[in-house]
Amino acid sequence: MTKRLGYSKSEMLKLNMSDFDALETKKDIINKIQIAKKDGSIIFKTIHKRKDGSAILVKENVQYDKEKQNFKCIVREDYDLKKNKK
């Protein structure tokens, strides 16, 4: 994610998911985490904001291991949203 979004690892660790998610509020993210904890996983599409202000459509797969009480999140770029150049 650091490469895709243009942040350093230390910068990413200081951010909340809502800092780089263009569609989800903190409340939305907490709700998705609760669903993942209950159901074991949740898959959804959203838009991530890059450090330079551009955006990418991503597909997130958030998994929760109940035994280890651990989250795993796989983020795949779905489509690069680029500004039209003339």
PDB file of N, CA and C in Angstrom:
ATOM      1  N   MET A   1       0.817  -1.197   0.000  1.00  0.00           N
ATOM      2  CA  MET A   1       0.000   0.000   0.000  1.00  0.00           C
ATOM      3  C   MET A   1       0.860   1.260   0.000  1.00  0.00           C
ATOM      4  N   THR A   2       2.027   1.171   0.603  1.00  0.00           N
ATOM      5  CA  THR A   2       2.879   2.362   0.630  1.00  0.00           C
ATOM      6  C   THR A   2       3.258   2.783  -0.789  1.00  0.00           C
ATOM      7  N   LYS A   3       3.590   1.820  -1.628  1.00  0.00           N
ATOM      8  CA  LYS A   3       3.957   2.132  -3.013  1.00  0.00           C
ATOM      9  C   LYS A   3       2.767   2.671  -3.788  1.00  0.00           C
ATOM     10  N   ARG A   4       1.619   2.020  -3.647  1.00  0.00           N
ATOM     11  CA  ARG A   4       0.426   2.428  -4.397  1.00  0.00           C
ATOM     12  C   ARG A   4      -0.079   3.801  -3.994  1.00  0.00           C
ATOM     13  N   LEU A   5       0.019   4.116  -2.691  1.00  0.00           N
ATOM     14  CA  LEU A   5      -0.536   5.377  -2.221  1.00  0.00           C
ATOM     15  C   LEU A   5       0.500   6.487  -2.086  1.00  0.00           C
ATOM     16  N   GLY A   6       1.773   6.141  -2.172  1.00  0.00           N
ATOM     17  CA  GLY A   6       2.815   7.158  -2.159  1.00  0.00           C
ATOM     18  C   GLY A   6       3.260   7.616  -0.783  1.00  0.00           C
ATOM     19  N   TYR A   7       2.888   6.893   0.244  1.00  0.00           N
ATOM     20  CA  TYR A   7       3.311   7.224   1.605  1.00  0.00           C
ATOM     21  C   TYR A   7       4.470   6.323   2.014  1.00  0.00           C
ATOM     22  N   SER A   8       5.289   6.808   2.937  1.00  0.00           N
ATOM     23  CA  SER A   8       6.311   5.949   3.527  1.00  0.00           C
ATOM     24  C   SER A   8       5.622   5.032   4.545  1.00  0.00           C
ATOM     25  N   LYS A   9       6.325   3.998   4.960  1.00  0.00           N
ATOM     26  CA  LYS A   9       5.761   3.075   5.948  1.00  0.00           C
ATOM     27  C   LYS A   9       5.433   3.819   7.245  1.00  0.00           C
ATOM     28  N   SER A  10       6.321   4.680   7.692  1.00  0.00           N
ATOM     29  CA  SER A  10       6.075   5.415   8.940  1.00  0.00           C
ATOM     30  C   SER A  10       4.872   6.354   8.799  1.00  0.00           C
ATOM     31  N   GLU A  11       4.692   6.958   7.618  1.00  0.00           N
ATOM     32  CA  GLU A  11       3.515   7.809   7.390  1.00  0.00           C
ATOM     33  C   GLU A  11       2.232   6.980   7.428  1.00  0.00           C
ATOM     34  N   MET A  12       2.246   5.820   6.781  1.00  0.00           N
ATOM     35  CA  MET A  12       1.057   4.955   6.754  1.00  0.00           C
ATOM     36  C   MET A  12       0.650   4.503   8.153  1.00  0.00           C
ATOM     37  N   LEU A  13       1.643   4.199   8.994  1.00  0.00           N
ATOM     38  CA  LEU A  13       1.352   3.723  10.342  1.00  0.00           C
ATOM     39  C   LEU A  13       0.721   4.805  11.217  1.00  0.00           C
ATOM     40  N   LYS A  14       0.877   6.054  10.831  1.00  0.00           N
ATOM     41  CA  LYS A  14       0.279   7.169  11.577  1.00  0.00           C
ATOM     42  C   LYS A  14      -1.138   7.486  11.110  1.00  0.00           C
ATOM     43  N   LEU A  15      -1.562   6.925   9.978  1.00  0.00           N
ATOM     44  CA  LEU A  15      -2.868   7.227   9.404  1.00  0.00           C
ATOM     45  C   LEU A  15      -3.939   6.250   9.881  1.00  0.00           C
ATOM     46  N   ASN A  16      -5.148   6.762  10.008  1.00  0.00           N
ATOM     47  CA  ASN A  16      -6.313   5.904  10.177  1.00  0.00           C
ATOM     48  C   ASN A  16      -6.805   5.542   8.784  1.00  0.00           C
ATOM     49  N   MET A  17      -7.547   4.457   8.681  1.00  0.00           N
ATOM     50  CA  MET A  17      -8.061   4.068   7.360  1.00  0.00           C
ATOM     51  C   MET A  17      -8.889   5.191   6.744  1.00  0.00           C
ATOM     52  N   SER A  18      -9.622   5.922   7.554  1.00  0.00           N
ATOM     53  CA  SER A  18     -10.468   6.992   7.019  1.00  0.00           C
ATOM     54  C   SER A  18      -9.647   8.165   6.478  1.00  0.00           C
ATOM     55  N   ASP A  19      -8.354   8.240   6.822  1.00  0.00           N
ATOM     56  CA  ASP A  19      -7.494   9.298   6.292  1.00  0.00           C
ATOM     57  C   ASP A  19      -7.207   9.117   4.805  1.00  0.00           C
ATOM     58  N   PHE A  20      -7.196   7.883   4.331  1.00  0.00           N
ATOM     59  CA  PHE A  20      -6.903   7.657   2.908  1.00  0.00           C
ATOM     60  C   PHE A  20      -8.067   7.020   2.161  1.00  0.00           C
ATOM     61  N   ASP A  21      -9.174   6.768   2.837  1.00  0.00           N
ATOM     62  CA  ASP A  21     -10.366   6.227   2.181  1.00  0.00           C
ATOM     63  C   ASP A  21     -11.298   7.380   1.840  1.00  0.00           C
ATOM     64  N   ALA A  22     -11.574   7.572   0.570  1.00  0.00           N
ATOM     65  CA  ALA A  22     -12.382   8.706   0.117  1.00  0.00           C
ATOM     66  C   ALA A  22     -13.878   8.518   0.351  1.00  0.00           C
ATOM     67  N   LEU A  23     -14.332   7.289   0.537  1.00  0.00           N
ATOM     68  CA  LEU A  23     -15.766   7.031   0.647  1.00  0.00           C
ATOM     69  C   LEU A  23     -16.237   6.691   2.059  1.00  0.00           C
ATOM     70  N   GLU A  24     -15.377   6.082   2.837  1.00  0.00           N
ATOM     71  CA  GLU A  24     -15.780   5.555   4.140  1.00  0.00           C
ATOM     72  C   GLU A  24     -15.458   6.538   5.268  1.00  0.00           C
ATOM     73  N   THR A  25     -16.427   6.740   6.154  1.00  0.00           N
ATOM     74  CA  THR A  25     -16.191   7.521   7.358  1.00  0.00           C
ATOM     75  C   THR A  25     -15.628   6.587   8.430  1.00  0.00           C
ATOM     76  N   LYS A  26     -15.168   7.158   9.532  1.00  0.00           N
ATOM     77  CA  LYS A  26     -14.684   6.321  10.635  1.00  0.00           C
ATOM     78  C   LYS A  26     -15.787   5.377  11.105  1.00  0.00           C
ATOM     79  N   LYS A  27     -17.023   5.874  11.141  1.00  0.00           N
ATOM     80  CA  LYS A  27     -18.169   5.052  11.555  1.00  0.00           C
ATOM     81  C   LYS A  27     -18.380   3.886  10.581  1.00  0.00           C
ATOM     82  N   ASP A  28     -18.271   4.153   9.281  1.00  0.00           N
ATOM     83  CA  ASP A  28     -18.416   3.099   8.264  1.00  0.00           C
ATOM     84  C   ASP A  28     -17.345   2.025   8.442  1.00  0.00           C
ATOM     85  N   ILE A  29     -16.120   2.459   8.696  1.00  0.00           N
ATOM     86  CA  ILE A  29     -15.006   1.519   8.850  1.00  0.00           C
ATOM     87  C   ILE A  29     -15.196   0.666  10.100  1.00  0.00           C
ATOM     88  N   ILE A  30     -15.612   1.287  11.194  1.00  0.00           N
ATOM     89  CA  ILE A  30     -15.881   0.531  12.424  1.00  0.00           C
ATOM     90  C   ILE A  30     -16.969  -0.504  12.178  1.00  0.00           C
ATOM     91  N   ASN A  31     -17.998  -0.138  11.427  1.00  0.00           N
ATOM     92  CA  ASN A  31     -19.075  -1.072  11.089  1.00  0.00           C
ATOM     93  C   ASN A  31     -18.542  -2.253  10.281  1.00  0.00           C
ATOM     94  N   LYS A  32     -17.681  -1.987   9.307  1.00  0.00           N
ATOM     95  CA  LYS A  32     -17.109  -3.064   8.497  1.00  0.00           C
ATOM     96  C   LYS A  32     -16.213  -3.980   9.344  1.00  0.00           C
ATOM     97  N   ILE A  33     -15.474  -3.400  10.283  1.00  0.00           N
ATOM     98  CA  ILE A  33     -14.648  -4.206  11.183  1.00  0.00           C
ATOM     99  C   ILE A  33     -15.527  -5.113  12.045  1.00  0.00           C
ATOM    100  N   GLN A  34     -16.639  -4.583  12.531  1.00  0.00           N
ATOM    101  CA  GLN A  34     -17.566  -5.378  13.341  1.00  0.00           C
ATOM    102  C   GLN A  34     -18.166  -6.531  12.527  1.00  0.00           C
ATOM    103  N   ILE A  35     -18.476  -6.263  11.263  1.00  0.00           N
ATOM    104  CA  ILE A  35     -19.002  -7.317  10.386  1.00  0.00           C
ATOM    105  C   ILE A  35     -17.946  -8.401  10.176  1.00  0.00           C
ATOM    106  N   ALA A  36     -16.700  -7.985   9.928  1.00  0.00           N
ATOM    107  CA  ALA A  36     -15.610  -8.952   9.738  1.00  0.00           C
ATOM    108  C   ALA A  36     -15.418  -9.794  10.999  1.00  0.00           C
ATOM    109  N   LYS A  37     -15.499  -9.185  12.168  1.00  0.00           N
ATOM    110  CA  LYS A  37     -15.346  -9.930  13.425  1.00  0.00           C
ATOM    111  C   LYS A  37     -16.482 -10.941  13.595  1.00  0.00           C
ATOM    112  N   LYS A  38     -17.681 -10.545  13.216  1.00  0.00           N
ATOM    113  CA  LYS A  38     -18.852 -11.413  13.361  1.00  0.00           C
ATOM    114  C   LYS A  38     -18.858 -12.533  12.325  1.00  0.00           C
ATOM    115  N   ASP A  39     -18.619 -12.176  11.065  1.00  0.00           N
ATOM    116  CA  ASP A  39     -18.759 -13.124   9.956  1.00  0.00           C
ATOM    117  C   ASP A  39     -17.445 -13.785   9.536  1.00  0.00           C
ATOM    118  N   GLY A  40     -16.317 -13.264  10.006  1.00  0.00           N
ATOM    119  CA  GLY A  40     -15.018 -13.805   9.620  1.00  0.00           C
ATOM    120  C   GLY A  40     -14.364 -13.052   8.483  1.00  0.00           C
ATOM    121  N   SER A  41     -15.164 -12.327   7.674  1.00  0.00           N
ATOM    122  CA  SER A  41     -14.592 -11.532   6.582  1.00  0.00           C
ATOM    123  C   SER A  41     -15.638 -10.601   5.992  1.00  0.00           C
ATOM    124  N   ILE A  42     -15.145  -9.612   5.281  1.00  0.00           N
ATOM    125  CA  ILE A  42     -16.006  -8.711   4.510  1.00  0.00           C
ATOM    126  C   ILE A  42     -15.211  -8.263   3.282  1.00  0.00           C
ATOM    127  N   ILE A  43     -15.882  -8.192   2.153  1.00  0.00           N
ATOM    128  CA  ILE A  43     -15.269  -7.750   0.896  1.00  0.00           C
ATOM    129  C   ILE A  43     -16.074  -6.551   0.401  1.00  0.00           C
ATOM    130  N   PHE A  44     -15.364  -5.486   0.025  1.00  0.00           N
ATOM    131  CA  PHE A  44     -16.057  -4.302  -0.474  1.00  0.00           C
ATOM    132  C   PHE A  44     -15.128  -3.503  -1.374  1.00  0.00           C
ATOM    133  N   LYS A  45     -15.716  -2.632  -2.179  1.00  0.00           N
ATOM    134  CA  LYS A  45     -14.953  -1.726  -3.032  1.00  0.00           C
ATOM    135  C   LYS A  45     -15.029  -0.323  -2.437  1.00  0.00           C
ATOM    136  N   THR A  46     -13.948   0.409  -2.592  1.00  0.00           N
ATOM    137  CA  THR A  46     -13.894   1.789  -2.122  1.00  0.00           C
ATOM    138  C   THR A  46     -12.854   2.544  -2.935  1.00  0.00           C
ATOM    139  N   ILE A  47     -12.684   3.803  -2.631  1.00  0.00           N
ATOM    140  CA  ILE A  47     -11.689   4.628  -3.320  1.00  0.00           C
ATOM    141  C   ILE A  47     -10.649   5.080  -2.302  1.00  0.00           C
ATOM    142  N   HIS A  48      -9.385   4.833  -2.618  1.00  0.00           N
ATOM    143  CA  HIS A  48      -8.288   5.284  -1.772  1.00  0.00           C
ATOM    144  C   HIS A  48      -7.649   6.520  -2.383  1.00  0.00           C
ATOM    145  N   LYS A  49      -7.318   7.469  -1.518  1.00  0.00           N
ATOM    146  CA  LYS A  49      -6.663   8.706  -1.946  1.00  0.00           C
ATOM    147  C   LYS A  49      -5.158   8.537  -1.793  1.00  0.00           C
ATOM    148  N   ARG A  50      -4.436   8.873  -2.842  1.00  0.00           N
ATOM    149  CA  ARG A  50      -2.980   8.862  -2.787  1.00  0.00           C
ATOM    150  C   ARG A  50      -2.482  10.155  -2.147  1.00  0.00           C
ATOM    151  N   LYS A  51      -1.244  10.130  -1.714  1.00  0.00           N
ATOM    152  CA  LYS A  51      -0.622  11.305  -1.104  1.00  0.00           C
ATOM    153  C   LYS A  51      -0.636  12.492  -2.065  1.00  0.00           C
ATOM    154  N   ASP A  52      -0.490  12.221  -3.371  1.00  0.00           N
ATOM    155  CA  ASP A  52      -0.471  13.298  -4.365  1.00  0.00           C
ATOM    156  C   ASP A  52      -1.861  13.812  -4.743  1.00  0.00           C
ATOM    157  N   GLY A  53      -2.917  13.250  -4.124  1.00  0.00           N
ATOM    158  CA  GLY A  53      -4.279  13.711  -4.383  1.00  0.00           C
ATOM    159  C   GLY A  53      -5.035  12.888  -5.410  1.00  0.00           C
ATOM    160  N   SER A  54      -4.362  12.055  -6.180  1.00  0.00           N
ATOM    161  CA  SER A  54      -5.055  11.200  -7.139  1.00  0.00           C
ATOM    162  C   SER A  54      -5.751  10.069  -6.379  1.00  0.00           C
ATOM    163  N   ALA A  55      -6.545   9.291  -7.089  1.00  0.00           N
ATOM    164  CA  ALA A  55      -7.348   8.260  -6.434  1.00  0.00           C
ATOM    165  C   ALA A  55      -7.321   6.950  -7.205  1.00  0.00           C
ATOM    166  N   ILE A  56      -7.530   5.856  -6.485  1.00  0.00           N
ATOM    167  CA  ILE A  56      -7.645   4.541  -7.110  1.00  0.00           C
ATOM    168  C   ILE A  56      -8.824   3.799  -6.499  1.00  0.00           C
ATOM    169  N   LEU A  57      -9.548   3.103  -7.361  1.00  0.00           N
ATOM    170  CA  LEU A  57     -10.637   2.243  -6.918  1.00  0.00           C
ATOM    171  C   LEU A  57     -10.013   0.926  -6.486  1.00  0.00           C
ATOM    172  N   VAL A  58     -10.327   0.477  -5.274  1.00  0.00           N
ATOM    173  CA  VAL A  58      -9.739  -0.751  -4.752  1.00  0.00           C
ATOM    174  C   VAL A  58     -10.829  -1.714  -4.280  1.00  0.00           C
ATOM    175  N   LYS A  59     -10.438  -2.965  -4.231  1.00  0.00           N
ATOM    176  CA  LYS A  59     -11.285  -4.006  -3.664  1.00  0.00           C
ATOM    177  C   LYS A  59     -10.576  -4.487  -2.405  1.00  0.00           C
ATOM    178  N   GLU A  60     -11.255  -4.387  -1.263  1.00  0.00           N
ATOM    179  CA  GLU A  60     -10.667  -4.789   0.012  1.00  0.00           C
ATOM    180  C   GLU A  60     -11.308  -6.074   0.503  1.00  0.00           C
ATOM    181  N   ASN A  61     -10.466  -6.956   0.990  1.00  0.00           N
ATOM    182  CA  ASN A  61     -10.919  -8.203   1.608  1.00  0.00           C
ATOM    183  C   ASN A  61     -10.347  -8.201   3.023  1.00  0.00           C
ATOM    184  N   VAL A  62     -11.215  -7.937   4.002  1.00  0.00           N
ATOM    185  CA  VAL A  62     -10.804  -7.894   5.401  1.00  0.00           C
ATOM    186  C   VAL A  62     -11.216  -9.212   6.046  1.00  0.00           C
ATOM    187  N   GLN A  63     -10.232  -9.914   6.587  1.00  0.00           N
ATOM    188  CA  GLN A  63     -10.478 -11.211   7.230  1.00  0.00           C
ATOM    189  C   GLN A  63     -10.125 -11.111   8.702  1.00  0.00           C
ATOM    190  N   TYR A  64     -10.891 -11.839   9.537  1.00  0.00           N
ATOM    191  CA  TYR A  64     -10.642 -11.833  10.975  1.00  0.00           C
ATOM    192  C   TYR A  64     -10.471 -13.265  11.458  1.00  0.00           C
ATOM    193  N   ASP A  65      -9.342 -13.523  12.109  1.00  0.00           N
ATOM    194  CA  ASP A  65      -9.066 -14.835  12.695  1.00  0.00           C
ATOM    195  C   ASP A  65      -9.485 -14.766  14.163  1.00  0.00           C
ATOM    196  N   LYS A  66     -10.608 -15.418  14.492  1.00  0.00           N
ATOM    197  CA  LYS A  66     -11.156 -15.345  15.848  1.00  0.00           C
ATOM    198  C   LYS A  66     -10.231 -15.970  16.884  1.00  0.00           C
ATOM    199  N   GLU A  67      -9.545 -17.033  16.526  1.00  0.00           N
ATOM    200  CA  GLU A  67      -8.640 -17.694  17.475  1.00  0.00           C
ATOM    201  C   GLU A  67      -7.464 -16.796  17.846  1.00  0.00           C
ATOM    202  N   LYS A  68      -6.877 -16.166  16.846  1.00  0.00           N
ATOM    203  CA  LYS A  68      -5.712 -15.301  17.079  1.00  0.00           C
ATOM    204  C   LYS A  68      -6.103 -13.855  17.381  1.00  0.00           C
ATOM    205  N   GLN A  69      -7.394 -13.541  17.199  1.00  0.00           N
ATOM    206  CA  GLN A  69      -7.904 -12.171  17.334  1.00  0.00           C
ATOM    207  C   GLN A  69      -7.059 -11.211  16.502  1.00  0.00           C
ATOM    208  N   ASN A  70      -6.937 -11.568  15.205  1.00  0.00           N
ATOM    209  CA  ASN A  70      -6.038 -10.877  14.302  1.00  0.00           C
ATOM    210  C   ASN A  70      -6.751 -10.565  12.986  1.00  0.00           C
ATOM    211  N   PHE A  71      -6.511  -9.372  12.449  1.00  0.00           N
ATOM    212  CA  PHE A  71      -7.071  -8.989  11.158  1.00  0.00           C
ATOM    213  C   PHE A  71      -6.020  -9.141  10.066  1.00  0.00           C
ATOM    214  N   LYS A  72      -6.499  -9.470   8.878  1.00  0.00           N
ATOM    215  CA  LYS A  72      -5.672  -9.504   7.675  1.00  0.00           C
ATOM    216  C   LYS A  72      -6.471  -8.768   6.602  1.00  0.00           C
ATOM    217  N   CYS A  73      -5.831  -7.831   5.944  1.00  0.00           N
ATOM    218  CA  CYS A  73      -6.527  -7.056   4.925  1.00  0.00           C
ATOM    219  C   CYS A  73      -5.763  -7.148   3.611  1.00  0.00           C
ATOM    220  N   ILE A  74      -6.441  -7.604   2.595  1.00  0.00           N
ATOM    221  CA  ILE A  74      -5.856  -7.687   1.259  1.00  0.00           C
ATOM    222  C   ILE A  74      -6.513  -6.593   0.420  1.00  0.00           C
ATOM    223  N   VAL A  75      -5.687  -5.725  -0.139  1.00  0.00           N
ATOM    224  CA  VAL A  75      -6.188  -4.619  -0.953  1.00  0.00           C
ATOM    225  C   VAL A  75      -5.646  -4.786  -2.361  1.00  0.00           C
ATOM    226  N   ARG A  76      -6.552  -4.840  -3.310  1.00  0.00           N
ATOM    227  CA  ARG A  76      -6.153  -4.956  -4.724  1.00  0.00           C
ATOM    228  C   ARG A  76      -6.680  -3.760  -5.493  1.00  0.00           C
ATOM    229  N   GLU A  77      -5.826  -3.231  -6.340  1.00  0.00           N
ATOM    230  CA  GLU A  77      -6.257  -2.123  -7.183  1.00  0.00           C
ATOM    231  C   GLU A  77      -7.261  -2.652  -8.192  1.00  0.00           C
ATOM    232  N   ASP A  78      -8.403  -1.991  -8.238  1.00  0.00           N
ATOM    233  CA  ASP A  78      -9.456  -2.399  -9.149  1.00  0.00           C
ATOM    234  C   ASP A  78      -9.424  -1.567 -10.420  1.00  0.00           C
ATOM    235  N   TYR A  79      -9.162  -0.290 -10.291  1.00  0.00           N
ATOM    236  CA  TYR A  79      -9.120   0.595 -11.447  1.00  0.00           C
ATOM    237  C   TYR A  79      -8.435   1.885 -11.034  1.00  0.00           C
ATOM    238  N   ASP A  80      -7.547   2.374 -11.829  1.00  0.00           N
ATOM    239  CA  ASP A  80      -6.838   3.599 -11.546  1.00  0.00           C
ATOM    240  C   ASP A  80      -7.672   4.779 -12.058  1.00  0.00           C
ATOM    241  N   LEU A  81      -8.085   5.633 -11.138  1.00  0.00           N
ATOM    242  CA  LEU A  81      -8.885   6.798 -11.510  1.00  0.00           C
ATOM    243  C   LEU A  81      -7.952   7.946 -11.810  1.00  0.00           C
ATOM    244  N   LYS A  82      -7.725   8.191 -13.089  1.00  0.00           N
ATOM    245  CA  LYS A  82      -6.802   9.248 -13.498  1.00  0.00           C
ATOM    246  C   LYS A  82      -7.603  10.392 -14.092  1.00  0.00           C
ATOM    247  N   LYS A  83      -7.053  11.564 -13.928  1.00  0.00           N
ATOM    248  CA  LYS A  83      -7.677  12.751 -14.534  1.00  0.00           C
ATOM    249  C   LYS A  83      -7.508  12.683 -16.042  1.00  0.00           C
ATOM    250  N   ASN A  84      -8.540  13.112 -16.739  1.00  0.00           N
ATOM    251  CA  ASN A  84      -8.449  13.166 -18.207  1.00  0.00           C
ATOM    252  C   ASN A  84      -7.420  14.198 -18.619  1.00  0.00           C
ATOM    253  N   LYS A  85      -6.520  13.805 -19.497  1.00  0.00           N
ATOM    254  CA  LYS A  85      -5.515  14.728 -20.007  1.00  0.00           C
ATOM    255  C   LYS A  85      -5.891  15.162 -21.409  1.00  0.00           C
ATOM    256  N   LYS A  86      -5.772  16.430 -21.679  1.00  0.00           N
ATOM    257  CA  LYS A  86      -6.113  16.947 -23.002  1.00  0.00           C
ATOM    258  C   LYS A  86      -4.859  17.351 -23.731  1.00  0.00           C
TER     259      LYS A  86
END
